[in-house]
N, C-alpha and C. Protein backbone atom coordinates (compact mmCIF):
# COMPACT_ATOMS: atom_id res chain seq x y z
N UNK A 1 15.87 -8.79 15.66
CA UNK A 1 14.71 -7.77 14.91
C UNK A 1 13.77 -7.63 15.44
N UNK A 2 12.86 -6.58 16.34
CA UNK A 2 12.08 -6.31 16.86
C UNK A 2 10.99 -7.03 16.23
N UNK A 3 9.99 -7.30 17.31
CA UNK A 3 8.68 -7.92 16.47
C UNK A 3 7.96 -6.94 16.28
N UNK A 4 7.06 -7.51 15.22
CA UNK A 4 5.87 -6.20 14.82
C UNK A 4 4.80 -7.53 14.50
N UNK A 5 3.79 -6.84 14.00
CA UNK A 5 2.91 -6.92 13.81
C UNK A 5 3.12 -7.99 12.45
N UNK A 6 2.57 -9.50 12.00
CA UNK A 6 2.81 -9.70 9.98
C UNK A 6 1.69 -9.10 9.53
N UNK A 7 2.51 -7.56 8.27
CA UNK A 7 1.08 -7.89 7.29
C UNK A 7 0.52 -8.72 6.51
N UNK A 8 -0.47 -8.72 5.46
CA UNK A 8 -0.38 -7.56 5.45
C UNK A 8 -1.74 -6.75 6.19
N UNK A 9 -1.48 -4.97 5.79
CA UNK A 9 -2.46 -4.74 6.84
C UNK A 9 -2.99 -3.60 6.09
N UNK A 10 -4.18 -3.35 6.25
CA UNK A 10 -4.91 -2.66 5.73
C UNK A 10 -5.45 -1.36 7.18
N UNK A 11 -6.10 -0.13 5.98
CA UNK A 11 -6.94 0.89 6.37
C UNK A 11 -7.92 0.59 6.71
N UNK A 12 -8.41 1.32 7.79
CA UNK A 12 -10.63 1.20 7.68
C UNK A 12 -10.36 2.75 9.46
N UNK A 13 -10.96 3.14 8.21
CA UNK A 13 -11.43 4.42 8.62
C UNK A 13 -12.70 5.06 10.09
N UNK A 14 -12.92 4.55 11.59
CA UNK A 14 -13.74 4.47 12.04
C UNK A 14 -14.70 5.93 12.00
N UNK A 15 -15.09 5.46 12.79
CA UNK A 15 -16.69 6.46 12.74
C UNK A 15 -16.40 7.96 13.15
N UNK A 16 -15.37 8.24 13.78
CA UNK A 16 -15.12 9.66 14.45
C UNK A 16 -13.66 9.94 13.91
N UNK A 17 -13.27 9.24 12.34
CA UNK A 17 -12.98 10.25 11.02
C UNK A 17 -11.24 9.54 11.83
N UNK A 18 -11.18 8.55 12.91
CA UNK A 18 -9.51 8.59 13.01
C UNK A 18 -9.19 7.12 12.34
N UNK A 19 -8.18 6.72 12.00
CA UNK A 19 -7.82 5.51 10.88
C UNK A 19 -7.43 4.26 12.52
N UNK A 20 -7.44 3.07 11.51
CA UNK A 20 -7.42 2.02 12.42
C UNK A 20 -6.18 1.16 11.75
N UNK A 21 -5.22 0.44 11.90
CA UNK A 21 -4.35 -0.65 11.22
C UNK A 21 -5.01 -1.57 11.24
N UNK A 22 -5.11 -2.27 10.24
CA UNK A 22 -5.87 -3.82 10.59
C UNK A 22 -4.87 -4.86 10.37
N UNK A 23 -4.59 -5.56 11.15
CA UNK A 23 -3.71 -6.55 9.93
C UNK A 23 -4.65 -7.86 9.66
N UNK A 24 -3.98 -8.71 8.96
CA UNK A 24 -4.52 -10.02 8.14
C UNK A 24 -5.73 -10.47 9.48
N UNK A 25 -4.82 -11.02 10.33
CA UNK A 25 -5.79 -11.90 11.69
C UNK A 25 -6.10 -10.69 12.37
N UNK A 26 -6.89 -10.33 11.85
CA UNK A 26 -8.36 -9.31 12.77
C UNK A 26 -7.39 -8.63 13.62
N UNK A 27 -5.96 -8.51 13.73
CA UNK A 27 -5.74 -7.73 15.29
C UNK A 27 -5.55 -6.36 14.71
N UNK A 28 -5.80 -5.58 15.41
CA UNK A 28 -6.15 -3.88 15.21
C UNK A 28 -4.81 -2.84 16.36
N UNK A 29 -4.25 -2.11 15.81
CA UNK A 29 -3.40 -1.86 15.81
C UNK A 29 -3.78 -0.27 15.64
N UNK A 30 -4.07 0.32 17.13
CA UNK A 30 -4.74 1.87 16.58
C UNK A 30 -3.77 2.97 15.96
N UNK A 31 -3.59 3.54 15.11
CA UNK A 31 -3.15 3.98 14.99
C UNK A 31 -3.51 6.17 14.78
N UNK A 32 -2.70 6.89 15.47
CA UNK A 32 -3.22 8.22 15.61
C UNK A 32 -2.32 8.83 14.71
N UNK A 33 -3.08 9.53 13.94
CA UNK A 33 -2.39 10.79 12.74
C UNK A 33 -2.27 11.89 12.51
N UNK A 34 -1.56 12.31 13.27
CA UNK A 34 -1.83 14.15 13.22
C UNK A 34 -2.30 14.60 12.38
N UNK A 35 -3.31 15.66 12.88
CA UNK A 35 -3.80 15.95 11.95
C UNK A 35 -3.33 17.64 11.26
N UNK A 36 -4.21 17.14 9.91
CA UNK A 36 -3.37 17.71 8.82
C UNK A 36 -4.70 17.97 8.05
N UNK A 37 -4.28 18.19 6.77
CA UNK A 37 -5.10 18.21 5.23
C UNK A 37 -5.74 17.12 5.08
N UNK A 38 -7.00 16.73 4.82
CA UNK A 38 -7.71 15.09 4.52
C UNK A 38 -6.27 14.40 4.09
N UNK A 39 -6.05 14.73 2.84
CA UNK A 39 -5.03 14.00 1.94
C UNK A 39 -3.78 13.16 2.19
N UNK A 40 -3.22 14.62 3.36
CA UNK A 40 -1.95 14.05 4.30
C UNK A 40 -2.48 13.30 5.41
N UNK A 41 -3.68 13.05 6.56
CA UNK A 41 -3.96 12.49 6.84
C UNK A 41 -4.64 10.83 6.65
N UNK A 42 -5.16 10.61 5.00
CA UNK A 42 -5.27 9.79 4.74
C UNK A 42 -4.11 9.66 3.63
N UNK A 43 -2.99 9.33 3.39
CA UNK A 43 -1.76 9.41 2.89
C UNK A 43 -0.29 8.98 4.37
N UNK A 44 -0.57 9.70 5.46
CA UNK A 44 0.23 8.70 6.27
C UNK A 44 -0.44 7.62 6.90
N UNK A 45 -1.42 7.14 7.16
CA UNK A 45 -2.07 6.20 7.02
C UNK A 45 -2.25 5.02 6.23
N UNK A 46 -2.07 5.10 5.21
CA UNK A 46 -1.77 3.95 3.69
C UNK A 46 -0.10 4.60 3.93
N UNK A 47 0.22 4.42 3.95
CA UNK A 47 1.56 4.40 4.74
C UNK A 47 2.03 3.37 5.60
N UNK A 48 1.53 3.95 6.53
CA UNK A 48 1.53 3.13 7.69
C UNK A 48 1.22 1.83 7.20
N UNK A 49 0.23 1.41 6.80
CA UNK A 49 -0.69 0.64 6.56
C UNK A 49 0.20 -0.46 5.42
N UNK A 50 1.32 0.16 4.71
CA UNK A 50 2.06 -0.56 3.84
C UNK A 50 3.26 -0.52 4.27
N UNK A 51 3.98 -0.17 5.87
CA UNK A 51 4.76 -0.66 6.17
C UNK A 51 5.43 -1.51 6.10
N UNK A 52 4.77 -2.51 6.24
CA UNK A 52 5.15 -4.50 6.61
C UNK A 52 5.89 -5.41 5.17
N UNK A 53 4.65 -4.06 3.55
CA UNK A 53 5.18 -4.89 2.29
C UNK A 53 6.33 -4.35 2.08
N UNK A 54 6.20 -2.66 2.28
CA UNK A 54 7.33 -2.04 2.29
C UNK A 54 8.75 -2.88 3.02
N UNK A 55 9.11 -3.31 3.87
CA UNK A 55 10.12 -3.64 4.58
C UNK A 55 10.54 -4.67 4.28
N UNK A 56 9.26 -6.14 3.84
CA UNK A 56 9.32 -6.82 2.80
C UNK A 56 10.69 -6.51 1.13
N UNK A 57 9.90 -6.16 0.76
CA UNK A 57 10.21 -5.70 -0.41
C UNK A 57 11.93 -4.96 -0.07
N UNK A 58 11.64 -4.07 0.41
CA UNK A 58 13.21 -3.78 0.82
C UNK A 58 14.55 -4.43 1.10
N UNK A 59 14.14 -5.58 2.08
CA UNK A 59 15.01 -6.72 2.71
C UNK A 59 15.17 -7.91 1.21
N UNK A 60 14.10 -7.90 0.71
CA UNK A 60 14.58 -8.43 -0.72
C UNK A 60 15.56 -8.24 -1.50
N UNK A 61 15.29 -6.62 -2.15
CA UNK A 61 15.92 -6.54 -2.76
C UNK A 61 17.87 -5.97 -1.92
N UNK A 62 17.60 -6.24 -0.38
CA UNK A 62 19.02 -5.89 -0.11
C UNK A 62 19.54 -7.79 -0.51
N UNK A 63 18.62 -7.97 -0.11
CA UNK A 63 19.10 -9.73 0.25
C UNK A 63 18.97 -10.29 -1.34
N UNK A 64 19.13 -9.69 -2.82
CA UNK A 64 19.12 -10.01 -4.04
C UNK A 64 20.82 -9.29 -4.82
N UNK A 65 20.38 -8.15 -3.71
CA UNK A 65 21.84 -7.18 -4.24
C UNK A 65 23.26 -7.39 -3.98
N UNK A 66 23.67 -7.62 -2.93
CA UNK A 66 24.60 -7.46 -1.63
C UNK A 66 24.94 -8.78 -1.41
N UNK A 67 26.15 -8.55 -1.95
CA UNK A 67 27.25 -9.85 -0.76
C UNK A 67 28.18 -10.57 -2.17
N UNK A 68 29.32 -11.12 -1.76
CA UNK A 68 29.77 -11.70 -2.58
C UNK A 68 29.03 -13.08 -3.68
N UNK A 69 29.81 -12.48 -5.40
CA UNK A 69 28.71 -13.38 -5.69
C UNK A 69 27.20 -13.02 -6.48
N UNK A 70 26.50 -12.52 -5.64
CA UNK A 70 25.30 -11.48 -6.71
C UNK A 70 25.63 -11.59 -7.60
N UNK A 71 24.48 -12.06 -8.38
CA UNK A 71 24.81 -11.38 -10.05
C UNK A 71 24.52 -9.62 -9.89
N UNK A 72 24.00 -9.37 -9.19
CA UNK A 72 23.78 -7.81 -9.03
C UNK A 72 24.26 -6.97 -7.45
N UNK A 73 25.61 -7.60 -7.35
CA UNK A 73 26.37 -7.30 -5.96
C UNK A 73 27.50 -5.84 -5.99
N UNK A 74 27.10 -5.65 -4.65
CA UNK A 74 27.31 -3.80 -4.31
C UNK A 74 28.53 -3.43 -4.98
N UNK A 75 29.33 -4.88 -5.20
CA UNK A 75 30.35 -4.24 -6.20
C UNK A 75 30.62 -4.25 -7.78
N UNK A 76 29.27 -4.46 -8.33
CA UNK A 76 29.01 -4.91 -9.63
C UNK A 76 27.60 -3.72 -10.38
N UNK A 77 26.85 -4.50 -9.76
CA UNK A 77 25.71 -3.27 -10.29
C UNK A 77 25.44 -1.60 -9.67
N UNK A 78 24.90 -2.46 -8.14
CA UNK A 78 24.10 -1.63 -7.41
C UNK A 78 25.62 -0.32 -6.49
N UNK A 79 25.54 0.63 -6.69
CA UNK A 79 26.09 1.37 -6.09
C UNK A 79 26.13 0.87 -4.43
N UNK A 80 27.59 1.43 -3.83
CA UNK A 80 27.09 1.12 -2.50
C UNK A 80 26.45 1.97 -1.72
N UNK A 81 26.27 3.53 -1.86
CA UNK A 81 25.44 3.72 -1.46
C UNK A 81 24.34 3.26 -1.29
N UNK A 82 23.57 2.86 -2.16
CA UNK A 82 22.50 2.36 -2.35
C UNK A 82 21.86 1.24 -1.19
N UNK A 83 22.89 1.03 -1.74
CA UNK A 83 23.12 -0.54 -0.46
C UNK A 83 23.28 0.19 0.55
N UNK A 84 23.83 0.65 1.42
CA UNK A 84 23.83 1.07 2.92
C UNK A 84 23.01 2.06 3.53
N UNK A 85 22.18 2.70 1.87
CA UNK A 85 20.96 3.37 2.65
C UNK A 85 19.73 2.43 2.57
N UNK A 86 19.78 1.26 1.48
CA UNK A 86 18.89 0.30 1.78
C UNK A 86 18.99 -0.35 3.45
N UNK A 87 20.04 -0.54 3.61
CA UNK A 87 20.35 -1.49 5.29
C UNK A 87 20.43 -0.14 5.96
N UNK A 88 20.73 1.12 5.54
CA UNK A 88 20.19 1.71 7.12
C UNK A 88 18.53 1.88 7.19
N UNK A 89 17.75 1.93 6.33
CA UNK A 89 16.19 2.10 6.28
C UNK A 89 16.31 0.40 7.01
N UNK A 90 16.68 -0.25 6.95
CA UNK A 90 15.56 -1.28 6.88
C UNK A 90 16.34 -1.72 9.14
N UNK A 91 17.11 -1.36 8.88
CA UNK A 91 17.91 -1.99 10.61
C UNK A 91 16.59 -0.04 11.13
N UNK A 92 16.54 0.98 10.90
CA UNK A 92 15.18 1.89 11.28
C UNK A 92 14.21 1.17 11.86
N UNK A 93 13.99 0.25 10.61
CA UNK A 93 12.62 -0.85 10.88
C UNK A 93 12.57 -1.77 12.02
N UNK A 94 13.74 -1.93 11.72
CA UNK A 94 13.92 -3.45 12.78
C UNK A 94 14.32 -3.52 14.20
N UNK A 95 15.47 -2.18 14.26
CA UNK A 95 16.07 -2.61 15.38
C UNK A 95 15.40 -1.53 16.66
N UNK A 96 15.35 -2.17 18.02
CA UNK A 96 14.98 -1.45 19.11
C UNK A 96 16.28 0.01 19.33
N UNK A 97 15.14 1.04 19.19
CA UNK A 97 16.74 2.12 19.68
C UNK A 97 15.76 3.79 20.70
N UNK A 98 14.66 3.03 21.45
CA UNK A 98 14.80 3.68 22.38
C UNK A 98 14.04 2.51 23.84
């Protein structure tokens, strides 16, 4: 798994109007958000800040839903395409591809 700064992250709007994503430990990851409407720019910053929480939630869901003997395993409750899509999203977030 590629390392990332652990969450939670929060959004801080700077004086010049750009956004910083700030980790709990005070580490700042400068995020540049493509110009767009104020709503889209703010929404993109919030989505970036939520990334560690979203990844952790998806990993927990896959751990609970997938595998033999799980009460909601992919062969009983969750459709296989749901599990595979979730695993692909986790891989996109955690595996270095560049």
